[in-house]
Protein backbone atom coordinates (compact mmCIF):
# COMPACT_ATOMS: atom_id res chain seq x y z
CA UNK A 1 190.81 36.23 129.43
CA UNK A 2 192.03 36.22 125.53
CA UNK A 3 195.15 34.11 125.10
CA UNK A 4 198.29 36.10 124.13
CA UNK A 5 199.85 35.22 120.53
CA UNK A 6 202.60 33.58 122.24
CA UNK A 7 200.13 31.40 124.28
CA UNK A 8 198.29 30.55 121.15
CA UNK A 9 201.42 29.60 119.71
CA UNK A 10 202.56 27.14 122.41
CA UNK A 11 198.91 25.13 122.72
CA UNK A 12 199.41 23.91 119.26
CA UNK A 13 203.07 24.61 117.28
CA UNK A 14 206.11 22.45 117.34
CA UNK A 15 208.75 24.74 116.84
CA UNK A 16 211.96 23.23 114.79
CA UNK A 17 215.32 22.22 116.07
CA UNK A 18 214.35 23.18 119.93
CA UNK A 19 213.73 21.82 123.35
CA UNK A 20 210.34 23.34 123.79
CA UNK A 21 210.50 23.24 127.45
CA UNK A 22 213.04 26.08 127.09
CA UNK A 23 209.97 28.30 125.49
CA UNK A 24 208.55 28.36 129.14
CA UNK A 25 211.39 30.76 129.99
CA UNK A 26 212.09 32.21 126.17
CA UNK A 27 208.78 32.37 124.46
CA UNK A 28 208.34 32.78 120.84
CA UNK A 29 208.98 36.26 119.69
CA UNK A 30 205.92 36.85 117.11
CA UNK A 31 207.06 38.89 114.42
CA UNK A 32 204.66 41.65 112.81
CA UNK A 33 206.96 42.63 109.85
CA UNK A 34 210.04 42.69 108.78
CA UNK A 35 212.36 44.87 106.46
CA UNK A 36 215.59 45.16 105.66
CA UNK A 37 217.83 43.12 108.11
CA UNK A 38 215.04 44.45 110.76
CA UNK A 39 212.55 42.28 112.61
CA UNK A 40 209.36 43.76 114.13
CA UNK A 41 207.58 41.62 116.64
CA UNK A 42 203.63 42.38 117.31
CA UNK A 43 204.67 45.00 120.13
CA UNK A 44 207.06 46.74 118.06
CA UNK A 45 210.44 45.90 119.22
CA UNK A 46 212.78 45.60 116.76
CA UNK A 47 215.77 42.69 116.39
CA UNK A 48 218.63 43.08 113.95
CA UNK A 49 218.70 39.78 112.22
CA UNK A 50 222.27 39.48 112.01
CA UNK A 51 222.17 35.21 110.96
CA UNK A 52 219.66 35.98 107.84
CA UNK A 53 216.96 33.94 109.53
CA UNK A 54 218.76 30.14 109.24
CA UNK A 55 221.29 32.05 106.67
CA UNK A 56 218.46 32.07 104.11
CA UNK A 57 217.65 35.91 103.59
CA UNK A 58 220.21 36.72 101.03
CA UNK A 59 218.99 40.77 100.08
CA UNK A 60 216.86 41.88 103.60
CA UNK A 61 213.57 41.16 104.35
CA UNK A 62 210.96 42.56 102.17
CA UNK A 63 213.16 43.63 99.49
CA UNK A 64 211.15 45.16 97.25
CA UNK A 65 212.34 44.08 93.66
CA UNK A 66 212.08 40.42 94.81
CA UNK A 67 208.68 41.27 95.93
CA UNK A 68 207.69 42.78 92.98
CA UNK A 69 208.84 39.57 90.68
CA UNK A 70 206.52 37.72 93.17
CA UNK A 71 203.60 39.77 92.93
CA UNK A 72 204.15 40.37 88.86
CA UNK A 73 204.24 36.17 88.86
CA UNK A 74 201.74 35.30 91.55
CA UNK A 75 198.70 37.13 88.56
CA UNK A 76 200.25 34.83 86.02
CA UNK A 77 200.64 31.28 87.57
CA UNK A 78 201.03 29.94 91.07
CA UNK A 79 201.53 26.08 90.48
CA UNK A 80 201.76 23.83 87.63
CA UNK A 81 203.14 20.30 87.42
CA UNK A 82 206.33 19.84 86.20
CA UNK A 83 206.12 16.41 84.73
CA UNK A 84 205.46 17.10 80.83
CA UNK A 85 204.75 20.77 81.77
CA UNK A 86 207.15 24.03 82.28
CA UNK A 87 207.06 27.90 82.51
CA UNK A 88 208.98 30.87 81.36
CA UNK A 89 210.61 31.21 85.04
CA UNK A 90 212.04 27.82 85.25
CA UNK A 91 213.47 27.80 81.73
CA UNK A 92 214.89 31.38 82.32
CA UNK A 93 216.31 30.58 85.65
CA UNK A 94 218.10 27.26 84.26
CA UNK A 95 219.69 29.13 81.89
CA UNK A 96 220.93 31.95 84.34
CA UNK A 97 222.10 29.38 86.68
CA UNK A 98 223.76 27.36 83.86
CA UNK A 99 225.78 31.07 83.03
CA UNK A 100 227.05 31.31 87.16
CA UNK A 101 227.29 27.76 88.05
CA UNK A 102 231.00 25.65 87.69
CA UNK A 103 231.85 24.70 83.96
CA UNK A 104 231.18 20.97 84.94
CA UNK A 105 227.37 21.90 85.65
CA UNK A 106 224.88 21.71 82.71
CA UNK A 107 221.70 20.38 83.94
CA UNK A 108 219.24 21.65 86.71
CA UNK A 109 216.84 19.12 88.63
CA UNK A 110 214.48 21.20 90.72
CA UNK A 111 213.44 20.25 94.29
CA UNK A 112 211.49 21.89 96.93
CA UNK A 113 214.08 22.45 100.12
CA UNK A 114 218.00 21.61 100.67
CA UNK A 115 217.49 18.23 102.40
CA UNK A 116 215.48 17.14 99.21
CA UNK A 117 218.44 18.53 96.69
CA UNK A 118 220.87 16.55 98.68
CA UNK A 119 218.26 13.01 98.72
CA UNK A 120 217.77 13.75 94.66
CA UNK A 121 221.90 13.93 94.64
CA UNK A 122 222.76 10.99 96.77
CA UNK A 123 219.94 8.71 94.64
CA UNK A 124 221.37 10.10 91.20
CA UNK A 125 225.21 9.07 92.21
CA UNK A 126 223.74 5.31 92.98
CA UNK A 127 221.54 4.80 90.51
CA UNK A 128 224.46 6.41 87.99
CA UNK A 129 226.48 3.52 88.79
CA UNK A 130 224.15 0.75 89.63
CA UNK A 131 223.28 1.19 86.23
CA UNK A 132 226.60 1.68 84.97
CA UNK A 133 228.14 -1.50 85.24
CA UNK A 134 229.50 -1.21 88.75
CA UNK A 135 226.86 -2.07 91.22
CA UNK A 136 229.52 -2.58 93.81
CA UNK A 137 229.72 1.37 93.87
CA UNK A 138 226.88 1.70 96.74
CA UNK A 139 228.33 3.76 99.76
CA UNK A 140 228.57 7.20 100.40
CA UNK A 141 231.64 9.40 101.89
CA UNK A 142 231.21 12.44 104.18
CA UNK A 143 233.31 14.56 106.58
CA UNK A 144 233.02 14.18 110.02
CA UNK A 145 231.10 17.37 111.71
CA UNK A 146 229.62 17.65 108.34
CA UNK A 147 225.58 18.53 107.95
CA UNK A 148 223.52 18.35 105.01
CA UNK A 149 219.92 18.01 105.77
CA UNK A 150 217.15 16.39 108.15
CA UNK A 151 216.14 13.64 105.82
CA UNK A 152 217.10 10.33 106.86
CA UNK A 153 219.41 10.08 103.77
CA UNK A 154 220.39 13.34 104.11
CA UNK A 155 220.89 12.63 108.11
CA UNK A 156 223.20 9.56 106.89
CA UNK A 157 225.83 11.58 105.52
CA UNK A 158 225.86 13.89 108.06
CA UNK A 159 228.12 13.40 111.17
CA UNK A 160 227.02 15.70 113.90
CA UNK A 161 225.65 13.71 116.63
CA UNK A 162 223.15 16.45 118.22
CA UNK A 163 221.08 15.70 114.86
CA UNK A 164 221.88 12.54 113.71
CA UNK A 165 223.00 9.66 116.92
CA UNK A 166 219.34 8.98 118.00
CA UNK A 167 218.64 7.96 114.12
CA UNK A 168 222.00 5.34 113.83
CA UNK A 169 219.81 2.32 113.21
CA UNK A 170 217.77 4.40 110.55
CA UNK A 171 220.66 5.09 108.58
CA UNK A 172 223.03 3.83 105.59
CA UNK A 173 226.22 2.38 106.80
CA UNK A 174 228.21 5.19 104.94
CA UNK A 175 232.08 6.23 105.57
CA UNK A 176 233.02 9.19 107.85
CA UNK A 177 236.44 10.98 106.66
CA UNK A 178 237.87 13.03 109.99
CA UNK A 179 237.30 16.58 108.48
CA UNK A 180 240.18 19.47 108.60
CA UNK A 181 239.74 21.57 112.22
CA UNK A 182 241.80 24.40 111.64
CA UNK A 183 241.09 25.12 115.05
CA UNK A 184 242.96 22.61 117.01
CA UNK A 185 244.64 21.22 114.13
CA UNK A 186 246.34 17.68 115.18
CA UNK A 187 249.21 18.44 113.18
CA UNK A 188 250.31 21.97 114.88
CA UNK A 189 249.11 24.02 111.72
CA UNK A 190 247.69 26.89 110.94
CA UNK A 191 244.86 27.37 108.29
CA UNK A 192 247.14 29.53 106.32
CA UNK A 193 250.28 27.85 106.16
CA UNK A 194 249.32 24.30 105.31
CA UNK A 195 249.72 21.78 102.99
CA UNK A 196 246.28 19.93 104.57
CA UNK A 197 248.21 17.30 106.14
CA UNK A 198 245.18 16.40 107.60
CA UNK A 199 244.19 15.26 104.34
CA UNK A 200 245.89 11.78 104.35
CA UNK A 201 242.91 10.67 106.46
CA UNK A 202 240.99 11.11 103.08
CA UNK A 203 243.26 9.44 101.05
CA UNK A 204 243.50 6.49 104.23
CA UNK A 205 239.74 6.19 103.14
CA UNK A 206 239.75 6.37 99.31
CA UNK A 207 242.31 3.67 99.54
CA UNK A 208 240.24 1.09 101.45
CA UNK A 209 236.59 2.30 100.42
CA UNK A 210 237.19 4.03 97.07
CA UNK A 211 236.17 1.00 95.08
CA UNK A 212 232.63 0.62 96.73
CA UNK A 213 231.96 4.29 96.85
CA UNK A 214 229.52 6.19 94.88
CA UNK A 215 229.84 9.51 95.78
CA UNK A 216 231.75 11.88 98.56
CA UNK A 217 229.62 14.60 99.68
CA UNK A 218 231.10 17.69 101.39
CA UNK A 219 230.12 21.30 102.21
CA UNK A 220 233.09 23.38 100.35
CA UNK A 221 235.17 25.26 102.97
CA UNK A 222 232.76 26.16 105.45
CA UNK A 223 231.40 23.34 107.64
CA UNK A 224 228.32 25.40 108.85
CA UNK A 225 226.68 23.44 111.50
CA UNK A 226 229.89 22.18 113.18
CA UNK A 227 230.38 26.01 114.39
CA UNK A 228 231.53 27.90 111.13
CA UNK A 229 234.40 25.84 110.85
CA UNK A 230 236.58 26.95 107.46
CA UNK A 231 239.28 24.86 105.96
CA UNK A 232 241.11 25.86 102.64
CA UNK A 233 240.53 25.68 99.52
CA UNK A 234 243.48 23.14 98.50
CA UNK A 235 241.72 20.49 100.71
CA UNK A 236 238.79 20.70 98.13
CA UNK A 237 241.21 20.82 95.10
CA UNK A 238 242.66 17.47 96.56
CA UNK A 239 239.13 15.94 97.37
CA UNK A 240 238.36 16.91 93.52
CA UNK A 241 241.50 14.69 92.12
CA UNK A 242 240.86 12.09 94.56
CA UNK A 243 237.37 11.54 93.57
CA UNK A 244 238.71 11.07 90.00
CA UNK A 245 241.57 8.88 90.98
CA UNK A 246 239.03 6.48 91.96
CA UNK A 247 236.10 7.01 89.77
CA UNK A 248 233.56 8.72 92.58
CA UNK A 249 230.98 11.38 92.19
CA UNK A 250 232.08 14.47 93.86
CA UNK A 251 228.86 16.29 95.41
CA UNK A 252 228.90 19.58 97.16
CA UNK A 253 226.45 20.99 99.40
CA UNK A 254 226.44 24.99 98.40
CA UNK A 255 223.23 25.21 100.20
CA UNK A 256 224.41 27.17 103.22
CA UNK A 257 227.51 28.37 101.20
CA UNK A 258 226.56 29.24 97.51
CA UNK A 259 225.22 32.84 96.32
CA UNK A 260 228.08 35.14 97.47
CA UNK A 261 228.36 33.88 101.41
CA UNK A 262 231.58 32.92 101.33
CA UNK A 263 232.81 35.85 99.13
CA UNK A 264 232.36 34.57 95.53
CA UNK A 265 229.29 33.13 94.02
CA UNK A 266 229.79 29.24 95.14
CA UNK A 267 232.28 28.58 97.51
CA UNK A 268 233.99 25.82 94.73
CA UNK A 269 235.45 28.93 92.87
CA UNK A 270 238.12 29.54 95.36
CA UNK A 271 239.51 25.96 94.55
CA UNK A 272 238.93 26.27 90.99
CA UNK A 273 237.14 22.89 90.61
CA UNK A 274 233.59 21.48 89.63
CA UNK A 275 232.11 19.15 91.18
CA UNK A 276 230.08 16.87 89.52
CA UNK A 277 226.69 17.30 91.15
CA UNK A 278 225.80 20.44 93.30
CA UNK A 279 223.11 21.21 95.55
CA UNK A 280 222.16 24.35 95.95
CA UNK A 281 219.21 26.50 98.08
CA UNK A 282 218.20 28.88 100.79
CA UNK A 283 219.64 32.26 98.70
CA UNK A 284 218.71 30.50 95.43
CA UNK A 285 215.29 32.62 95.98
CA UNK A 286 216.80 35.17 98.79
CA UNK A 287 215.59 33.22 101.22
CA UNK A 288 211.93 33.84 100.12
CA UNK A 289 210.27 30.55 99.26
CA UNK A 290 211.41 27.33 99.77
CA UNK A 291 213.05 26.01 96.58
CA UNK A 292 216.48 23.79 95.51
CA UNK A 293 217.84 22.51 92.65
CA UNK A 294 220.62 19.57 92.17
CA UNK A 295 222.81 20.87 89.69
CA UNK A 296 224.46 17.90 87.58
CA UNK A 297 227.55 17.27 84.71
CA UNK A 298 226.26 16.01 81.39
CA UNK A 299 227.95 13.10 81.99
CA UNK A 300 225.03 12.22 84.95
CA UNK A 301 222.26 13.29 82.59
CA UNK A 302 223.34 11.39 80.01
CA UNK A 303 223.72 7.93 81.81
CA UNK A 304 219.87 8.37 82.59
CA UNK A 305 218.95 9.16 78.84
CA UNK A 306 217.52 6.41 77.32
CA UNK A 307 214.54 4.98 75.87
CA UNK A 308 211.86 4.02 78.64
CA UNK A 309 212.09 0.31 77.91
CA UNK A 310 215.83 0.42 79.13
CA UNK A 311 214.32 1.60 82.54
CA UNK A 312 217.21 3.88 83.18
CA UNK A 313 214.84 7.31 84.03
CA UNK A 314 215.40 8.78 87.55
CA UNK A 315 211.73 8.42 89.05
CA UNK A 316 212.03 10.91 91.62
CA UNK A 317 209.74 13.93 92.01
CA UNK A 318 208.25 16.76 94.79
CA UNK A 319 204.85 18.12 94.06
CA UNK A 320 206.13 22.16 94.46
CA UNK A 321 209.24 21.41 92.20
CA UNK A 322 209.88 24.28 89.87
CA UNK A 323 207.25 26.12 91.32
CA UNK A 324 206.73 29.33 89.48
CA UNK A 325 206.75 31.63 92.24
CA UNK A 326 209.90 30.27 93.67
CA UNK A 327 211.23 30.45 90.07
CA UNK A 328 209.98 34.45 90.35
CA UNK A 329 211.99 35.10 93.83
CA UNK A 330 215.45 33.61 92.42
CA UNK A 331 215.30 35.61 88.99
CA UNK A 332 214.51 38.96 91.00
CA UNK A 333 217.74 37.62 92.78
CA UNK A 334 219.93 37.00 89.65
CA UNK A 335 218.81 40.32 88.72
CA UNK A 336 219.90 42.37 91.29
CA UNK A 337 223.46 40.37 91.44
CA UNK A 338 223.56 41.53 87.39
CA UNK A 339 222.98 45.31 87.81
CA UNK A 340 224.38 46.02 91.77
CA UNK A 341 227.59 45.44 92.88
CA UNK A 342 226.23 43.05 95.85
CA UNK A 343 229.36 40.72 95.75
CA UNK A 344 231.76 43.67 95.35
CA UNK A 345 230.44 45.47 98.17
CA UNK A 346 230.10 42.56 100.64
CA UNK A 347 233.84 41.81 99.68
CA UNK A 348 234.72 45.30 101.10
CA UNK A 349 232.47 45.25 103.94
CA UNK A 350 233.73 41.70 104.93
CA UNK A 351 237.24 43.00 104.72
CA UNK A 352 236.02 45.85 107.40
CA UNK A 353 234.02 43.41 109.43
CA UNK A 354 237.34 41.51 110.03
CA UNK A 355 239.15 43.99 111.90
CA UNK A 356 235.92 45.53 113.61
CA UNK A 357 235.32 42.40 115.23
CA UNK A 358 239.03 41.65 115.99
CA UNK A 359 239.04 45.16 117.98
CA UNK A 360 235.61 44.29 119.66
CA UNK A 361 236.29 40.51 120.49
CA UNK A 362 239.85 39.64 119.83
CA UNK A 363 241.51 40.30 123.51
CA UNK A 364 238.52 38.78 125.49
CA UNK A 365 239.35 36.21 128.20
CA UNK A 366 237.03 33.78 126.34
CA UNK A 367 237.67 34.18 122.82
CA UNK A 368 239.51 31.24 121.30
CA UNK A 369 239.49 31.86 117.91
CA UNK A 370 237.77 34.94 115.25
CA UNK A 371 237.54 32.78 111.78
CA UNK A 372 235.90 34.47 108.84
CA UNK A 373 235.12 33.66 104.97
CA UNK A 374 233.09 36.08 103.09
CA UNK A 375 230.82 38.39 105.77
CA UNK A 376 230.33 35.46 108.03
CA UNK A 377 232.42 35.80 111.06
CA UNK A 378 232.67 33.08 113.71
CA UNK A 379 233.58 33.81 117.17
CA UNK A 380 234.49 30.64 119.17
CA UNK A 381 234.04 31.28 123.11
CA UNK A 382 236.44 28.59 125.42
CA UNK A 383 236.91 28.35 129.07
CA UNK A 384 240.75 28.87 128.38
CA UNK A 385 242.47 29.94 125.06
CA UNK A 386 245.81 28.96 126.18
CA UNK A 387 244.22 25.63 125.80
CA UNK A 388 241.47 25.82 123.71
CA UNK A 389 239.73 24.25 126.46
CA UNK A 390 235.58 24.51 125.87
CA UNK A 391 233.21 25.56 128.15
CA UNK A 392 231.23 22.57 129.68
CA UNK A 393 227.96 21.87 127.77
CA UNK A 394 225.93 21.80 130.45
CA UNK A 395 226.59 25.68 130.90
CA UNK A 396 225.13 26.78 127.81
CA UNK A 397 227.05 29.76 127.66
CA UNK A 398 226.28 30.31 124.22
CA UNK A 399 222.39 30.26 124.52
CA UNK A 400 222.91 32.39 127.75
CA UNK A 401 224.59 35.53 125.42
CA UNK A 402 221.95 34.94 122.84
CA UNK A 403 219.33 35.22 125.65
CA UNK A 404 220.87 38.62 126.35
CA UNK A 405 221.24 39.53 123.25
CA UNK A 406 217.52 39.27 122.47
CA UNK A 407 216.87 42.26 125.24
CA UNK A 408 219.51 44.39 123.37
CA UNK A 409 217.50 43.60 119.89
CA UNK A 410 219.77 40.89 118.22
CA UNK A 411 219.29 37.60 116.72
CA UNK A 412 222.45 35.96 117.47
CA UNK A 413 221.17 32.28 117.56
CA UNK A 414 224.55 30.15 118.18
CA UNK A 415 226.09 27.31 117.57
CA UNK A 416 226.81 25.70 120.60
CA UNK A 417 229.53 28.03 122.01
CA UNK A 418 230.34 29.72 118.82
CA UNK A 419 228.83 32.78 117.92
CA UNK A 420 228.88 34.28 114.59
CA UNK A 421 227.49 36.40 111.98
CA UNK A 422 225.96 35.64 108.56
CA UNK A 423 224.36 38.91 107.72
CA UNK A 424 222.45 39.74 104.52
CA UNK A 425 224.86 40.76 102.03
CA UNK A 426 223.42 43.98 101.54
CA UNK A 427 223.82 44.95 104.96
CA UNK A 428 225.31 48.48 105.95
CA UNK A 429 228.71 49.20 107.93
CA UNK A 430 226.23 51.40 110.52
CA UNK A 431 224.06 47.87 110.86
CA UNK A 432 227.38 45.68 111.46
CA UNK A 433 228.55 48.69 113.84
CA UNK A 434 225.08 48.25 115.95
CA UNK A 435 225.17 44.16 115.67
CA UNK A 436 228.76 44.33 117.24
CA UNK A 437 228.10 46.84 119.80
CA UNK A 438 224.86 44.30 120.92
CA UNK A 439 226.87 41.39 120.93
CA UNK A 440 229.93 42.44 122.85
CA UNK A 441 227.33 43.95 125.50
CA UNK A 442 225.69 40.52 125.77
CA UNK A 443 229.00 38.88 125.90
CA UNK A 444 230.58 40.98 128.35
CA UNK A 445 227.23 40.86 130.79
CA UNK A 446 227.25 37.08 130.89
CA UNK A 447 230.91 36.28 131.11
CA UNK A 448 232.55 39.63 131.70
CA UNK A 449 235.30 41.50 130.26
């Protein structure tokens, strides 16, 4: 008997971020094609991709304008070595990024995925001080609950045990600062009416370790993998000032927050600050092709600019850096931003969605908090909203709701017991309404009303 596609998949493929034994009861959904917010499997069933396929799909699947940009480039040049060579799409993309990135950013180093952009940023900051007469500055600071990728350097500046704990013996010795937790604030404050009293943790860390720190890395305003934890812009503004005080470079990981996800082109705009180094990926190409850019200030770039004999060159490369097809996709994304009211429409829909989410989920007995930034909305499920007591991890409540939602045709993929919407920016209100209805039904099926 001929094997099914699911069986053929499981014969050979090890899927990411998965316990493969789970696939015995939930086999992979084999997708045939996509259109807009919808994915269609080989049997014709459709799924609403409310999580943008790992937060990357910015403007819908098989977007005609992005498709056209890639197809046009494909007949001209598919790839070329990026050392000593260049091409028009990369040049034009750098020019357009220069127009939209924060004022301090002036140079663009191309890589091929988000983790690579972070590794590049860490190495740049380290080398900056090593060759700048401050060799003692070789450690990094980061926020607890942070996530910056899966490579060893990126894991070292992350703090989520789920991904990093096992690999501690392989990692760098970094300084982990207790991150803001606005839902369970130890100071008894709320996200909207505090002076970031929790920032004292950062001040103490810098006082103790600023002299030996090369860079501080943070996800601006939104710690995604931590459960869509949102913190105030004031915290970021204070962090910029603290980095300046102690001569520490500020790296902002805008891989998940960039390109309109938080309501502005980049999240750091809401704090009115510029990082020294900024990492971008995911929405950069609309989620089409793996590409990232490590964006840096003129100061950092100039520190590497010297005669070759001085040994200051940044000897870091990726085979697919500056790939023309990825650049073509990114240029198409920027064209859509310029010609269509993407951010404005998403902003109006975000306000509407906040009200609708509150109506649908706000009074459920297990909803602890509904938080939001831009179109991203997250529902934290708890055993007891009064005490904020979480469900037992072993119950896998979020996973059970995820499986039920799939039956209705909704791709939720929660973060623990945090259900979230992180849809393409051009999703319609009708599609959002449908997603709410499916998520609500799945939640009631598992938890009751």
